[in-house]
């Protein structure tokens, strides 16, 4: 007899943690990576500010980085419909950006 009730997995939209080893943004500066996904959250350490967790692929491996760069957060939000995409993290003076 077939059950007509839905399964939790059919409708749940729970956020899953990103898989991958953590890297520092300075470790991947000026290197092209494939940005797969990102999540923006409110910072618990710095009130009224946000940070982004970025999942990316480099040399066939998945990695994640965290940054509070408002420039990068704005860029990712603006171009999220193009994901996944290749980008390079660049540091200009005292801030980070995608190029």
PDB file of N, CA and C in Angstrom:
ATOM      1  N   UNK A   1       0.834  -1.186   0.000  1.00  0.00           N
ATOM      2  CA  UNK A   1       0.000   0.000   0.000  1.00  0.00           C
ATOM      3  C   UNK A   1       0.882   1.253   0.000  1.00  0.00           C
ATOM      4  N   UNK A   2       0.620   2.150  -0.923  1.00  0.00           N
ATOM      5  CA  UNK A   2       1.432   3.362  -1.090  1.00  0.00           C
ATOM      6  C   UNK A   2       0.976   4.433  -0.098  1.00  0.00           C
ATOM      7  N   UNK A   3       1.930   5.059   0.590  1.00  0.00           N
ATOM      8  CA  UNK A   3       1.648   6.129   1.520  1.00  0.00           C
ATOM      9  C   UNK A   3       1.519   7.437   0.747  1.00  0.00           C
ATOM     10  N   UNK A   4       0.492   8.223   0.987  1.00  0.00           N
ATOM     11  CA  UNK A   4       0.274   9.466   0.243  1.00  0.00           C
ATOM     12  C   UNK A   4       0.830  10.691   0.961  1.00  0.00           C
ATOM     13  N   UNK A   5       1.497  10.485   2.062  1.00  0.00           N
ATOM     14  CA  UNK A   5       2.067  11.613   2.797  1.00  0.00           C
ATOM     15  C   UNK A   5       3.451  11.961   2.245  1.00  0.00           C
ATOM     16  N   UNK A   6       3.778  13.245   2.196  1.00  0.00           N
ATOM     17  CA  UNK A   6       5.089  13.630   1.670  1.00  0.00           C
ATOM     18  C   UNK A   6       6.217  13.300   2.646  1.00  0.00           C
ATOM     19  N   UNK A   7       7.395  13.178   2.108  1.00  0.00           N
ATOM     20  CA  UNK A   7       8.593  12.981   2.921  1.00  0.00           C
ATOM     21  C   UNK A   7       9.179  14.355   3.241  1.00  0.00           C
ATOM     22  N   UNK A   8       9.809  14.457   4.388  1.00  0.00           N
ATOM     23  CA  UNK A   8      10.441  15.711   4.793  1.00  0.00           C
ATOM     24  C   UNK A   8      11.403  16.200   3.716  1.00  0.00           C
ATOM     25  N   UNK A   9      12.164  15.285   3.140  1.00  0.00           N
ATOM     26  CA  UNK A   9      13.157  15.649   2.122  1.00  0.00           C
ATOM     27  C   UNK A   9      12.528  16.202   0.841  1.00  0.00           C
ATOM     28  N   UNK A  10      11.232  15.979   0.639  1.00  0.00           N
ATOM     29  CA  UNK A  10      10.543  16.491  -0.547  1.00  0.00           C
ATOM     30  C   UNK A  10      10.292  17.996  -0.483  1.00  0.00           C
ATOM     31  N   UNK A  11      10.198  18.537   0.732  1.00  0.00           N
ATOM     32  CA  UNK A  11       9.859  19.957   0.847  1.00  0.00           C
ATOM     33  C   UNK A  11      10.827  20.771   1.701  1.00  0.00           C
ATOM     34  N   UNK A  12      11.706  20.128   2.434  1.00  0.00           N
ATOM     35  CA  UNK A  12      12.614  20.848   3.327  1.00  0.00           C
ATOM     36  C   UNK A  12      13.649  21.651   2.536  1.00  0.00           C
ATOM     37  N   UNK A  13      13.877  22.852   2.987  1.00  0.00           N
ATOM     38  CA  UNK A  13      14.862  23.718   2.349  1.00  0.00           C
ATOM     39  C   UNK A  13      15.929  24.139   3.355  1.00  0.00           C
ATOM     40  N   UNK A  14      16.284  23.226   4.218  1.00  0.00           N
ATOM     41  CA  UNK A  14      17.283  23.529   5.238  1.00  0.00           C
ATOM     42  C   UNK A  14      18.631  23.783   4.588  1.00  0.00           C
ATOM     43  N   UNK A  15      19.339  24.758   5.113  1.00  0.00           N
ATOM     44  CA  UNK A  15      20.663  25.076   4.594  1.00  0.00           C
ATOM     45  C   UNK A  15      21.646  23.990   5.022  1.00  0.00           C
ATOM     46  N   UNK A  16      22.364  23.475   4.060  1.00  0.00           N
ATOM     47  CA  UNK A  16      23.368  22.457   4.360  1.00  0.00           C
ATOM     48  C   UNK A  16      24.723  23.142   4.440  1.00  0.00           C
ATOM     49  N   UNK A  17      25.577  22.688   5.355  1.00  0.00           N
ATOM     50  CA  UNK A  17      26.903  23.304   5.428  1.00  0.00           C
ATOM     51  C   UNK A  17      27.699  22.989   4.161  1.00  0.00           C
ATOM     52  N   UNK A  18      28.537  23.940   3.765  1.00  0.00           N
ATOM     53  CA  UNK A  18      29.374  23.732   2.589  1.00  0.00           C
ATOM     54  C   UNK A  18      30.483  22.735   2.904  1.00  0.00           C
ATOM     55  N   UNK A  19      30.749  21.862   1.943  1.00  0.00           N
ATOM     56  CA  UNK A  19      31.836  20.904   2.088  1.00  0.00           C
ATOM     57  C   UNK A  19      33.117  21.533   1.557  1.00  0.00           C
ATOM     58  N   UNK A  20      34.212  21.261   2.219  1.00  0.00           N
ATOM     59  CA  UNK A  20      35.496  21.735   1.728  1.00  0.00           C
ATOM     60  C   UNK A  20      36.393  22.215   2.847  1.00  0.00           C
ATOM     61  N   UNK A  21      37.678  22.143   2.585  1.00  0.00           N
ATOM     62  CA  UNK A  21      38.689  22.608   3.532  1.00  0.00           C
ATOM     63  C   UNK A  21      38.671  24.138   3.573  1.00  0.00           C
ATOM     64  N   UNK A  22      38.868  24.701   4.762  1.00  0.00           N
ATOM     65  CA  UNK A  22      38.897  26.158   4.903  1.00  0.00           C
ATOM     66  C   UNK A  22      40.229  26.708   4.410  1.00  0.00           C
ATOM     67  N   UNK A  23      40.146  27.829   3.706  1.00  0.00           N
ATOM     68  CA  UNK A  23      41.339  28.546   3.264  1.00  0.00           C
ATOM     69  C   UNK A  23      41.194  30.000   3.656  1.00  0.00           C
ATOM     70  N   UNK A  24      42.318  30.694   3.721  1.00  0.00           N
ATOM     71  CA  UNK A  24      42.305  32.138   3.948  1.00  0.00           C
ATOM     72  C   UNK A  24      42.269  32.831   2.591  1.00  0.00           C
ATOM     73  N   UNK A  25      41.582  33.950   2.525  1.00  0.00           N
ATOM     74  CA  UNK A  25      41.464  34.660   1.256  1.00  0.00           C
ATOM     75  C   UNK A  25      42.845  35.062   0.724  1.00  0.00           C
ATOM     76  N   UNK A  26      43.773  35.393   1.619  1.00  0.00           N
ATOM     77  CA  UNK A  26      45.124  35.775   1.182  1.00  0.00           C
ATOM     78  C   UNK A  26      45.860  34.620   0.499  1.00  0.00           C
ATOM     79  N   UNK A  27      45.458  33.376   0.798  1.00  0.00           N
ATOM     80  CA  UNK A  27      46.107  32.205   0.190  1.00  0.00           C
ATOM     81  C   UNK A  27      45.709  31.998  -1.269  1.00  0.00           C
ATOM     82  N   UNK A  28      44.617  32.639  -1.700  1.00  0.00           N
ATOM     83  CA  UNK A  28      44.157  32.426  -3.080  1.00  0.00           C
ATOM     84  C   UNK A  28      44.120  33.718  -3.895  1.00  0.00           C
ATOM     85  N   UNK A  29      44.750  34.768  -3.387  1.00  0.00           N
ATOM     86  CA  UNK A  29      44.772  36.029  -4.127  1.00  0.00           C
ATOM     87  C   UNK A  29      45.399  35.833  -5.500  1.00  0.00           C
ATOM     88  N   UNK A  30      44.828  36.502  -6.495  1.00  0.00           N
ATOM     89  CA  UNK A  30      45.336  36.505  -7.871  1.00  0.00           C
ATOM     90  C   UNK A  30      45.341  35.131  -8.528  1.00  0.00           C
ATOM     91  N   UNK A  31      44.500  34.222  -8.019  1.00  0.00           N
ATOM     92  CA  UNK A  31      44.358  32.888  -8.611  1.00  0.00           C
ATOM     93  C   UNK A  31      42.895  32.713  -9.014  1.00  0.00           C
ATOM     94  N   UNK A  32      42.673  32.237 -10.232  1.00  0.00           N
ATOM     95  CA  UNK A  32      41.308  32.021 -10.687  1.00  0.00           C
ATOM     96  C   UNK A  32      40.721  30.773 -10.021  1.00  0.00           C
ATOM     97  N   UNK A  33      39.502  30.916  -9.500  1.00  0.00           N
ATOM     98  CA  UNK A  33      38.793  29.803  -8.870  1.00  0.00           C
ATOM     99  C   UNK A  33      37.374  29.760  -9.430  1.00  0.00           C
ATOM    100  N   UNK A  34      36.710  28.621  -9.266  1.00  0.00           N
ATOM    101  CA  UNK A  34      35.323  28.471  -9.678  1.00  0.00           C
ATOM    102  C   UNK A  34      34.441  28.655  -8.445  1.00  0.00           C
ATOM    103  N   UNK A  35      33.723  29.768  -8.385  1.00  0.00           N
ATOM    104  CA  UNK A  35      32.831  30.025  -7.258  1.00  0.00           C
ATOM    105  C   UNK A  35      31.550  29.242  -7.502  1.00  0.00           C
ATOM    106  N   UNK A  36      31.228  28.357  -6.543  1.00  0.00           N
ATOM    107  CA  UNK A  36      30.094  27.453  -6.674  1.00  0.00           C
ATOM    108  C   UNK A  36      28.848  28.019  -5.990  1.00  0.00           C
ATOM    109  N   UNK A  37      29.029  28.522  -4.776  1.00  0.00           N
ATOM    110  CA  UNK A  37      27.882  28.988  -3.994  1.00  0.00           C
ATOM    111  C   UNK A  37      28.369  29.901  -2.881  1.00  0.00           C
ATOM    112  N   UNK A  38      27.447  30.600  -2.238  1.00  0.00           N
ATOM    113  CA  UNK A  38      27.796  31.465  -1.115  1.00  0.00           C
ATOM    114  C   UNK A  38      26.584  31.666  -0.220  1.00  0.00           C
ATOM    115  N   UNK A  39      26.856  32.044   1.036  1.00  0.00           N
ATOM    116  CA  UNK A  39      25.809  32.367   2.003  1.00  0.00           C
ATOM    117  C   UNK A  39      26.245  33.615   2.759  1.00  0.00           C
ATOM    118  N   UNK A  40      25.362  34.587   2.864  1.00  0.00           N
ATOM    119  CA  UNK A  40      25.633  35.796   3.641  1.00  0.00           C
ATOM    120  C   UNK A  40      24.887  35.677   4.963  1.00  0.00           C
ATOM    121  N   UNK A  41      25.591  35.951   6.063  1.00  0.00           N
ATOM    122  CA  UNK A  41      24.980  35.888   7.395  1.00  0.00           C
ATOM    123  C   UNK A  41      25.384  37.107   8.203  1.00  0.00           C
ATOM    124  N   UNK A  42      24.582  37.393   9.223  1.00  0.00           N
ATOM    125  CA  UNK A  42      24.912  38.474  10.143  1.00  0.00           C
ATOM    126  C   UNK A  42      26.048  38.021  11.057  1.00  0.00           C
ATOM    127  N   UNK A  43      26.977  38.914  11.302  1.00  0.00           N
ATOM    128  CA  UNK A  43      28.120  38.607  12.154  1.00  0.00           C
ATOM    129  C   UNK A  43      27.707  38.638  13.623  1.00  0.00           C
ATOM    130  N   UNK A  44      28.147  37.646  14.376  1.00  0.00           N
ATOM    131  CA  UNK A  44      27.891  37.630  15.814  1.00  0.00           C
ATOM    132  C   UNK A  44      28.959  38.424  16.550  1.00  0.00           C
ATOM    133  N   UNK A  45      30.173  38.485  15.967  1.00  0.00           N
ATOM    134  CA  UNK A  45      31.274  39.200  16.601  1.00  0.00           C
ATOM    135  C   UNK A  45      31.176  40.710  16.388  1.00  0.00           C
ATOM    136  N   UNK A  46      30.683  41.125  15.224  1.00  0.00           N
ATOM    137  CA  UNK A  46      30.606  42.543  14.882  1.00  0.00           C
ATOM    138  C   UNK A  46      29.160  42.920  14.594  1.00  0.00           C
ATOM    139  N   UNK A  47      28.493  43.530  15.580  1.00  0.00           N
ATOM    140  CA  UNK A  47      27.088  43.907  15.399  1.00  0.00           C
ATOM    141  C   UNK A  47      26.893  44.802  14.170  1.00  0.00           C
ATOM    142  N   UNK A  48      25.745  44.661  13.526  1.00  0.00           N
ATOM    143  CA  UNK A  48      25.367  45.458  12.353  1.00  0.00           C
ATOM    144  C   UNK A  48      26.298  45.242  11.154  1.00  0.00           C
ATOM    145  N   UNK A  49      26.918  44.082  11.078  1.00  0.00           N
ATOM    146  CA  UNK A  49      27.741  43.777   9.908  1.00  0.00           C
ATOM    147  C   UNK A  49      27.502  42.333   9.486  1.00  0.00           C
ATOM    148  N   UNK A  50      27.872  42.046   8.251  1.00  0.00           N
ATOM    149  CA  UNK A  50      27.664  40.712   7.686  1.00  0.00           C
ATOM    150  C   UNK A  50      28.987  40.100   7.255  1.00  0.00           C
ATOM    151  N   UNK A  51      28.946  38.806   7.013  1.00  0.00           N
ATOM    152  CA  UNK A  51      30.083  38.108   6.420  1.00  0.00           C
ATOM    153  C   UNK A  51      29.531  37.116   5.413  1.00  0.00           C
ATOM    154  N   UNK A  52      30.393  36.651   4.531  1.00  0.00           N
ATOM    155  CA  UNK A  52      29.966  35.696   3.519  1.00  0.00           C
ATOM    156  C   UNK A  52      30.845  34.446   3.607  1.00  0.00           C
ATOM    157  N   UNK A  53      30.215  33.291   3.463  1.00  0.00           N
ATOM    158  CA  UNK A  53      30.927  32.024   3.311  1.00  0.00           C
ATOM    159  C   UNK A  53      30.842  31.684   1.830  1.00  0.00           C
ATOM    160  N   UNK A  54      32.004  31.477   1.213  1.00  0.00           N
ATOM    161  CA  UNK A  54      32.052  31.205  -0.221  1.00  0.00           C
ATOM    162  C   UNK A  54      32.595  29.801  -0.430  1.00  0.00           C
ATOM    163  N   UNK A  55      31.854  28.988  -1.194  1.00  0.00           N
ATOM    164  CA  UNK A  55      32.345  27.666  -1.572  1.00  0.00           C
ATOM    165  C   UNK A  55      32.885  27.781  -2.990  1.00  0.00           C
ATOM    166  N   UNK A  56      34.117  27.295  -3.171  1.00  0.00           N
ATOM    167  CA  UNK A  56      34.739  27.366  -4.488  1.00  0.00           C
ATOM    168  C   UNK A  56      35.534  26.105  -4.768  1.00  0.00           C
ATOM    169  N   UNK A  57      35.857  25.937  -6.034  1.00  0.00           N
ATOM    170  CA  UNK A  57      36.624  24.773  -6.482  1.00  0.00           C
ATOM    171  C   UNK A  57      37.933  25.279  -7.077  1.00  0.00           C
ATOM    172  N   UNK A  58      39.025  24.615  -6.694  1.00  0.00           N
ATOM    173  CA  UNK A  58      40.352  24.933  -7.221  1.00  0.00           C
ATOM    174  C   UNK A  58      41.111  23.621  -7.374  1.00  0.00           C
ATOM    175  N   UNK A  59      41.647  23.406  -8.560  1.00  0.00           N
ATOM    176  CA  UNK A  59      42.381  22.164  -8.852  1.00  0.00           C
ATOM    177  C   UNK A  59      41.553  20.926  -8.523  1.00  0.00           C
ATOM    178  N   UNK A  60      40.250  20.986  -8.813  1.00  0.00           N
ATOM    179  CA  UNK A  60      39.383  19.830  -8.617  1.00  0.00           C
ATOM    180  C   UNK A  60      38.932  19.586  -7.189  1.00  0.00           C
ATOM    181  N   UNK A  61      39.365  20.434  -6.245  1.00  0.00           N
ATOM    182  CA  UNK A  61      39.003  20.258  -4.832  1.00  0.00           C
ATOM    183  C   UNK A  61      38.056  21.369  -4.387  1.00  0.00           C
ATOM    184  N   UNK A  62      37.145  21.033  -3.452  1.00  0.00           N
ATOM    185  CA  UNK A  62      36.248  22.036  -2.875  1.00  0.00           C
ATOM    186  C   UNK A  62      36.893  22.691  -1.668  1.00  0.00           C
ATOM    187  N   UNK A  63      36.717  24.009  -1.554  1.00  0.00           N
ATOM    188  CA  UNK A  63      37.227  24.784  -0.432  1.00  0.00           C
ATOM    189  C   UNK A  63      36.174  25.798  -0.028  1.00  0.00           C
ATOM    190  N   UNK A  64      36.362  26.382   1.158  1.00  0.00           N
ATOM    191  CA  UNK A  64      35.521  27.485   1.589  1.00  0.00           C
ATOM    192  C   UNK A  64      36.395  28.587   2.169  1.00  0.00           C
ATOM    193  N   UNK A  65      35.923  29.817   2.025  1.00  0.00           N
ATOM    194  CA  UNK A  65      36.560  30.951   2.682  1.00  0.00           C
ATOM    195  C   UNK A  65      35.459  31.798   3.315  1.00  0.00           C
ATOM    196  N   UNK A  66      35.864  32.587   4.290  1.00  0.00           N
ATOM    197  CA  UNK A  66      34.979  33.535   4.957  1.00  0.00           C
ATOM    198  C   UNK A  66      35.569  34.920   4.766  1.00  0.00           C
ATOM    199  N   UNK A  67      34.718  35.906   4.498  1.00  0.00           N
ATOM    200  CA  UNK A  67      35.181  37.283   4.416  1.00  0.00           C
ATOM    201  C   UNK A  67      34.048  38.234   4.781  1.00  0.00           C
ATOM    202  N   UNK A  68      34.416  39.348   5.359  1.00  0.00           N
ATOM    203  CA  UNK A  68      33.464  40.398   5.676  1.00  0.00           C
ATOM    204  C   UNK A  68      33.493  41.509   4.641  1.00  0.00           C
ATOM    205  N   UNK A  69      34.184  41.282   3.530  1.00  0.00           N
ATOM    206  CA  UNK A  69      34.317  42.296   2.487  1.00  0.00           C
ATOM    207  C   UNK A  69      32.952  42.671   1.915  1.00  0.00           C
ATOM    208  N   UNK A  70      32.537  43.918   2.152  1.00  0.00           N
ATOM    209  CA  UNK A  70      31.248  44.360   1.626  1.00  0.00           C
ATOM    210  C   UNK A  70      31.283  44.450   0.105  1.00  0.00           C
ATOM    211  N   UNK A  71      32.445  44.719  -0.460  1.00  0.00           N
ATOM    212  CA  UNK A  71      32.579  44.772  -1.919  1.00  0.00           C
ATOM    213  C   UNK A  71      32.273  43.393  -2.506  1.00  0.00           C
ATOM    214  N   UNK A  72      32.888  42.342  -1.951  1.00  0.00           N
ATOM    215  CA  UNK A  72      32.661  40.976  -2.447  1.00  0.00           C
ATOM    216  C   UNK A  72      31.218  40.538  -2.195  1.00  0.00           C
ATOM    217  N   UNK A  73      30.670  40.867  -1.025  1.00  0.00           N
ATOM    218  CA  UNK A  73      29.275  40.507  -0.735  1.00  0.00           C
ATOM    219  C   UNK A  73      28.349  41.150  -1.763  1.00  0.00           C
ATOM    220  N   UNK A  74      28.570  42.432  -2.056  1.00  0.00           N
ATOM    221  CA  UNK A  74      27.739  43.125  -3.044  1.00  0.00           C
ATOM    222  C   UNK A  74      27.878  42.499  -4.434  1.00  0.00           C
ATOM    223  N   UNK A  75      29.113  42.168  -4.824  1.00  0.00           N
ATOM    224  CA  UNK A  75      29.339  41.553  -6.138  1.00  0.00           C
ATOM    225  C   UNK A  75      28.640  40.204  -6.237  1.00  0.00           C
ATOM    226  N   UNK A  76      28.772  39.367  -5.208  1.00  0.00           N
ATOM    227  CA  UNK A  76      28.141  38.045  -5.237  1.00  0.00           C
ATOM    228  C   UNK A  76      26.619  38.159  -5.300  1.00  0.00           C
ATOM    229  N   UNK A  77      26.046  39.067  -4.505  1.00  0.00           N
ATOM    230  CA  UNK A  77      24.592  39.254  -4.546  1.00  0.00           C
ATOM    231  C   UNK A  77      24.136  39.745  -5.918  1.00  0.00           C
ATOM    232  N   UNK A  78      24.895  40.633  -6.526  1.00  0.00           N
ATOM    233  CA  UNK A  78      24.526  41.198  -7.824  1.00  0.00           C
ATOM    234  C   UNK A  78      24.563  40.152  -8.939  1.00  0.00           C
ATOM    235  N   UNK A  79      25.555  39.246  -8.882  1.00  0.00           N
ATOM    236  CA  UNK A  79      25.750  38.284  -9.972  1.00  0.00           C
ATOM    237  C   UNK A  79      25.419  36.847  -9.591  1.00  0.00           C
ATOM    238  N   UNK A  80      24.625  36.649  -8.531  1.00  0.00           N
ATOM    239  CA  UNK A  80      24.319  35.291  -8.058  1.00  0.00           C
ATOM    240  C   UNK A  80      23.610  34.434  -9.096  1.00  0.00           C
ATOM    241  N   UNK A  81      22.867  35.057 -10.008  1.00  0.00           N
ATOM    242  CA  UNK A  81      22.158  34.284 -11.025  1.00  0.00           C
ATOM    243  C   UNK A  81      23.098  33.674 -12.057  1.00  0.00           C
ATOM    244  N   UNK A  82      24.364  34.092 -12.047  1.00  0.00           N
ATOM    245  CA  UNK A  82      25.359  33.554 -12.983  1.00  0.00           C
ATOM    246  C   UNK A  82      26.166  32.401 -12.394  1.00  0.00           C
ATOM    247  N   UNK A  83      25.892  32.038 -11.138  1.00  0.00           N
ATOM    248  CA  UNK A  83      26.652  30.958 -10.492  1.00  0.00           C
ATOM    249  C   UNK A  83      26.412  29.636 -11.198  1.00  0.00           C
ATOM    250  N   UNK A  84      27.399  28.764 -11.250  1.00  0.00           N
ATOM    251  CA  UNK A  84      28.785  28.974 -10.850  1.00  0.00           C
ATOM    252  C   UNK A  84      29.538  29.798 -11.901  1.00  0.00           C
ATOM    253  N   UNK A  85      30.590  30.524 -11.453  1.00  0.00           N
ATOM    254  CA  UNK A  85      31.406  31.299 -12.383  1.00  0.00           C
ATOM    255  C   UNK A  85      32.845  31.371 -11.892  1.00  0.00           C
ATOM    256  N   UNK A  86      33.743  31.590 -12.836  1.00  0.00           N
ATOM    257  CA  UNK A  86      35.156  31.754 -12.507  1.00  0.00           C
ATOM    258  C   UNK A  86      35.410  33.196 -12.103  1.00  0.00           C
ATOM    259  N   UNK A  87      36.244  33.375 -11.086  1.00  0.00           N
ATOM    260  CA  UNK A  87      36.604  34.713 -10.625  1.00  0.00           C
ATOM    261  C   UNK A  87      37.978  34.653  -9.966  1.00  0.00           C
ATOM    262  N   UNK A  88      38.580  35.813  -9.835  1.00  0.00           N
ATOM    263  CA  UNK A  88      39.870  35.953  -9.173  1.00  0.00           C
ATOM    264  C   UNK A  88      39.703  36.922  -8.016  1.00  0.00           C
ATOM    265  N   UNK A  89      40.165  36.531  -6.829  1.00  0.00           N
ATOM    266  CA  UNK A  89      40.146  37.422  -5.674  1.00  0.00           C
ATOM    267  C   UNK A  89      41.363  38.331  -5.765  1.00  0.00           C
ATOM    268  N   UNK A  90      41.117  39.633  -5.667  1.00  0.00           N
ATOM    269  CA  UNK A  90      42.184  40.621  -5.804  1.00  0.00           C
ATOM    270  C   UNK A  90      42.119  41.555  -4.601  1.00  0.00           C
ATOM    271  N   UNK A  91      43.295  41.996  -4.139  1.00  0.00           N
ATOM    272  CA  UNK A  91      43.348  42.974  -3.056  1.00  0.00           C
ATOM    273  C   UNK A  91      43.814  44.293  -3.645  1.00  0.00           C
ATOM    274  N   UNK A  92      42.992  45.320  -3.467  1.00  0.00           N
ATOM    275  CA  UNK A  92      43.336  46.654  -3.938  1.00  0.00           C
ATOM    276  C   UNK A  92      43.404  47.551  -2.707  1.00  0.00           C
ATOM    277  N   UNK A  93      44.590  48.096  -2.456  1.00  0.00           N
ATOM    278  CA  UNK A  93      44.834  48.882  -1.239  1.00  0.00           C
ATOM    279  C   UNK A  93      44.452  48.054  -0.021  1.00  0.00           C
ATOM    280  N   UNK A  94      43.331  48.428   0.645  1.00  0.00           N
ATOM    281  CA  UNK A  94      42.966  47.724   1.868  1.00  0.00           C
ATOM    282  C   UNK A  94      41.680  46.921   1.736  1.00  0.00           C
ATOM    283  N   UNK A  95      41.199  46.718   0.518  1.00  0.00           N
ATOM    284  CA  UNK A  95      39.968  45.938   0.387  1.00  0.00           C
ATOM    285  C   UNK A  95      40.104  44.857  -0.691  1.00  0.00           C
ATOM    286  N   UNK A  96      39.222  43.857  -0.564  1.00  0.00           N
ATOM    287  CA  UNK A  96      39.204  42.722  -1.505  1.00  0.00           C
ATOM    288  C   UNK A  96      38.067  42.907  -2.501  1.00  0.00           C
ATOM    289  N   UNK A  97      38.280  42.406  -3.710  1.00  0.00           N
ATOM    290  CA  UNK A  97      37.261  42.455  -4.741  1.00  0.00           C
ATOM    291  C   UNK A  97      37.409  41.238  -5.643  1.00  0.00           C
ATOM    292  N   UNK A  98      36.388  40.976  -6.453  1.00  0.00           N
ATOM    293  CA  UNK A  98      36.457  39.926  -7.468  1.00  0.00           C
ATOM    294  C   UNK A  98      36.776  40.571  -8.809  1.00  0.00           C
ATOM    295  N   UNK A  99      37.508  39.828  -9.609  1.00  0.00           N
ATOM    296  CA  UNK A  99      37.797  40.331 -10.954  1.00  0.00           C
ATOM    297  C   UNK A  99      37.673  39.188 -11.928  1.00  0.00           C
TER     298      UNK A  99
END
